[in-house]
Amino acid sequence: MTAAATLSTVSPASAAEPSCGRASWYALTSRTASGERMDPSKLTAAHPRLRFGTRVEVVNPRNGKSVVVRINDRGPFIKGRIIDVSKAAAGHLGMIKAGVAKVCYRVIS
């Protein structure tokens, strides 16, 4: 696989299978990779390859809580993490205190 292939964005159709791993949350107010300002009160997330605007359902299997987020940033940049969610999304998932949690996500649109 070439470097260009690993950096390309993934269409929602090709990422329909659920994916599970570690997630963290962030609450910066800087510009996101999509160009919009990060708003910790919005239900958004960072993913390394999904297209901006993709809607993803994220589930915390430990407590059964879920939330739908919109991808608007790139990340996470810490090995072993699959998605970074906004503080608001982390609140819906019940993971603010822990900071990091195992989650599963699936593309919904």
C-alpha atoms as a PDB file:
ATOM      1  CA  MET A   1       0.000   0.000   0.000  1.00  0.00           C
ATOM      2  CA  THR A   2       1.380   3.421  -0.874  1.00  0.00           C
ATOM      3  CA  ALA A   3       1.575   6.359   1.507  1.00  0.00           C
ATOM      4  CA  ALA A   4      -1.050   8.145  -0.578  1.00  0.00           C
ATOM      5  CA  ALA A   5      -3.432   5.234  -0.155  1.00  0.00           C
ATOM      6  CA  THR A   6      -3.095   5.285   3.625  1.00  0.00           C
ATOM      7  CA  LEU A   7      -3.812   9.019   3.780  1.00  0.00           C
ATOM      8  CA  SER A   8      -6.855   9.017   1.518  1.00  0.00           C
ATOM      9  CA  THR A   9     -10.307   9.461   2.933  1.00  0.00           C
ATOM     10  CA  VAL A  10     -12.689   6.555   3.186  1.00  0.00           C
ATOM     11  CA  SER A  11     -16.179   6.833   1.769  1.00  0.00           C
ATOM     12  CA  PRO A  12     -19.004   6.014   4.177  1.00  0.00           C
ATOM     13  CA  ALA A  13     -20.072   3.042   2.027  1.00  0.00           C
ATOM     14  CA  SER A  14     -16.672   1.386   2.318  1.00  0.00           C
ATOM     15  CA  ALA A  15     -16.569   1.868   6.093  1.00  0.00           C
ATOM     16  CA  ALA A  16     -19.996   0.430   6.947  1.00  0.00           C
ATOM     17  CA  GLU A  17     -18.617  -2.357   9.138  1.00  0.00           C
ATOM     18  CA  PRO A  18     -18.490  -1.593  12.871  1.00  0.00           C
ATOM     19  CA  SER A  19     -15.073  -0.878  14.309  1.00  0.00           C
ATOM     20  CA  CYS A  20     -14.126  -1.142  17.989  1.00  0.00           C
ATOM     21  CA  GLY A  21     -11.226   0.274  19.949  1.00  0.00           C
ATOM     22  CA  ARG A  22     -10.207   3.022  22.335  1.00  0.00           C
ATOM     23  CA  ALA A  23     -11.603   6.541  22.135  1.00  0.00           C
ATOM     24  CA  SER A  24     -10.715   9.746  23.910  1.00  0.00           C
ATOM     25  CA  TRP A  25     -12.344  13.165  24.047  1.00  0.00           C
ATOM     26  CA  TYR A  26     -11.104  16.666  23.465  1.00  0.00           C
ATOM     27  CA  ALA A  27     -12.394  20.187  24.068  1.00  0.00           C
ATOM     28  CA  LEU A  28     -10.137  22.527  22.127  1.00  0.00           C
ATOM     29  CA  THR A  29     -11.515  25.608  20.389  1.00  0.00           C
ATOM     30  CA  SER A  30      -8.991  25.753  17.568  1.00  0.00           C
ATOM     31  CA  ARG A  31      -9.764  25.205  13.890  1.00  0.00           C
ATOM     32  CA  THR A  32     -10.393  21.631  12.855  1.00  0.00           C
ATOM     33  CA  ALA A  33      -8.881  19.975   9.806  1.00  0.00           C
ATOM     34  CA  SER A  34     -12.170  20.649   7.987  1.00  0.00           C
ATOM     35  CA  GLY A  35     -11.712  24.381   8.569  1.00  0.00           C
ATOM     36  CA  GLU A  36     -14.488  24.919  11.083  1.00  0.00           C
ATOM     37  CA  ARG A  37     -13.888  26.005  14.650  1.00  0.00           C
ATOM     38  CA  MET A  38     -13.987  23.167  17.187  1.00  0.00           C
ATOM     39  CA  ASP A  39     -16.960  23.583  19.520  1.00  0.00           C
ATOM     40  CA  PRO A  40     -16.797  21.220  22.529  1.00  0.00           C
ATOM     41  CA  SER A  41     -20.579  21.543  22.972  1.00  0.00           C
ATOM     42  CA  LYS A  42     -21.321  20.053  19.520  1.00  0.00           C
ATOM     43  CA  LEU A  43     -21.586  16.343  18.743  1.00  0.00           C
ATOM     44  CA  THR A  44     -18.492  16.025  16.559  1.00  0.00           C
ATOM     45  CA  ALA A  45     -15.473  13.748  16.283  1.00  0.00           C
ATOM     46  CA  ALA A  46     -12.053  13.303  14.736  1.00  0.00           C
ATOM     47  CA  HIS A  47     -11.223  10.268  12.616  1.00  0.00           C
ATOM     48  CA  PRO A  48      -8.062   9.603  10.605  1.00  0.00           C
ATOM     49  CA  ARG A  49      -9.763   8.680   7.306  1.00  0.00           C
ATOM     50  CA  LEU A  50     -13.555   9.105   7.221  1.00  0.00           C
ATOM     51  CA  ARG A  51     -14.797  11.947   5.041  1.00  0.00           C
ATOM     52  CA  PHE A  52     -15.720  15.219   6.726  1.00  0.00           C
ATOM     53  CA  GLY A  53     -19.465  15.328   7.304  1.00  0.00           C
ATOM     54  CA  THR A  54     -19.776  11.560   7.760  1.00  0.00           C
ATOM     55  CA  ARG A  55     -22.230  10.706  10.542  1.00  0.00           C
ATOM     56  CA  VAL A  56     -21.116   7.959  12.881  1.00  0.00           C
ATOM     57  CA  GLU A  57     -22.920   6.211  15.728  1.00  0.00           C
ATOM     58  CA  VAL A  58     -20.540   5.646  18.632  1.00  0.00           C
ATOM     59  CA  VAL A  59     -21.489   3.161  21.370  1.00  0.00           C
ATOM     60  CA  ASN A  60     -19.901   2.617  24.763  1.00  0.00           C
ATOM     61  CA  PRO A  61     -20.424  -1.153  25.233  1.00  0.00           C
ATOM     62  CA  ARG A  62     -19.635  -0.932  28.938  1.00  0.00           C
ATOM     63  CA  ASN A  63     -22.756   1.131  29.719  1.00  0.00           C
ATOM     64  CA  GLY A  64     -24.788   0.820  26.492  1.00  0.00           C
ATOM     65  CA  LYS A  65     -24.839   4.591  25.912  1.00  0.00           C
ATOM     66  CA  SER A  66     -24.586   5.861  22.343  1.00  0.00           C
ATOM     67  CA  VAL A  67     -24.376   9.109  20.403  1.00  0.00           C
ATOM     68  CA  VAL A  68     -24.327  10.148  16.749  1.00  0.00           C
ATOM     69  CA  VAL A  69     -21.423  12.432  15.844  1.00  0.00           C
ATOM     70  CA  ARG A  70     -20.318  14.215  12.687  1.00  0.00           C
ATOM     71  CA  ILE A  71     -16.706  13.843  11.564  1.00  0.00           C
ATOM     72  CA  ASN A  72     -15.125  17.286  11.243  1.00  0.00           C
ATOM     73  CA  ASP A  73     -11.493  16.729  12.208  1.00  0.00           C
ATOM     74  CA  ARG A  74      -8.512  14.398  11.810  1.00  0.00           C
ATOM     75  CA  GLY A  75      -7.112  12.292  14.599  1.00  0.00           C
ATOM     76  CA  PRO A  76      -6.596  10.695  16.974  1.00  0.00           C
ATOM     77  CA  PHE A  77      -2.853  10.950  16.898  1.00  0.00           C
ATOM     78  CA  ILE A  78      -2.177   8.597  19.799  1.00  0.00           C
ATOM     79  CA  LYS A  79      -1.383   4.989  18.920  1.00  0.00           C
ATOM     80  CA  GLY A  80      -4.165   2.569  19.743  1.00  0.00           C
ATOM     81  CA  ARG A  81      -7.020   5.074  19.576  1.00  0.00           C
ATOM     82  CA  ILE A  82      -9.599   4.887  16.784  1.00  0.00           C
ATOM     83  CA  ILE A  83     -11.675   8.053  17.280  1.00  0.00           C
ATOM     84  CA  ASP A  84     -11.625  11.281  19.300  1.00  0.00           C
ATOM     85  CA  VAL A  85     -15.008  12.686  20.291  1.00  0.00           C
ATOM     86  CA  SER A  86     -16.006  16.143  21.488  1.00  0.00           C
ATOM     87  CA  LYS A  87     -16.626  16.771  25.190  1.00  0.00           C
ATOM     88  CA  ALA A  88     -20.391  16.842  24.538  1.00  0.00           C
ATOM     89  CA  ALA A  89     -20.250  13.455  22.820  1.00  0.00           C
ATOM     90  CA  ALA A  90     -18.106  12.079  25.659  1.00  0.00           C
ATOM     91  CA  GLY A  91     -20.802  13.206  28.078  1.00  0.00           C
ATOM     92  CA  HIS A  92     -23.431  11.246  26.143  1.00  0.00           C
ATOM     93  CA  LEU A  93     -21.139   8.211  26.229  1.00  0.00           C
ATOM     94  CA  GLY A  94     -20.444   8.508  29.952  1.00  0.00           C
ATOM     95  CA  MET A  95     -16.681   8.754  29.495  1.00  0.00           C
ATOM     96  CA  ILE A  96     -15.749  12.270  30.598  1.00  0.00           C
ATOM     97  CA  LYS A  97     -14.295  11.263  33.966  1.00  0.00           C
ATOM     98  CA  ALA A  98     -12.333   8.323  32.557  1.00  0.00           C
ATOM     99  CA  GLY A  99     -11.067  10.326  29.576  1.00  0.00           C
ATOM    100  CA  VAL A 100     -10.618   7.189  27.489  1.00  0.00           C
ATOM    101  CA  ALA A 101     -13.050   4.322  26.892  1.00  0.00           C
ATOM    102  CA  LYS A 102     -13.544   1.321  24.668  1.00  0.00           C
ATOM    103  CA  VAL A 103     -16.152   2.148  22.036  1.00  0.00           C
ATOM    104  CA  CYS A 104     -17.556   0.717  18.852  1.00  0.00           C
ATOM    105  CA  TYR A 105     -18.645   2.898  15.978  1.00  0.00           C
ATOM    106  CA  ARG A 106     -20.422   2.431  12.683  1.00  0.00           C
ATOM    107  CA  VAL A 107     -21.002   4.813   9.797  1.00  0.00           C
ATOM    108  CA  ILE A 108     -24.654   5.709   9.413  1.00  0.00           C
ATOM    109  CA  SER A 109     -24.475   8.298   6.614  1.00  0.00           C
END
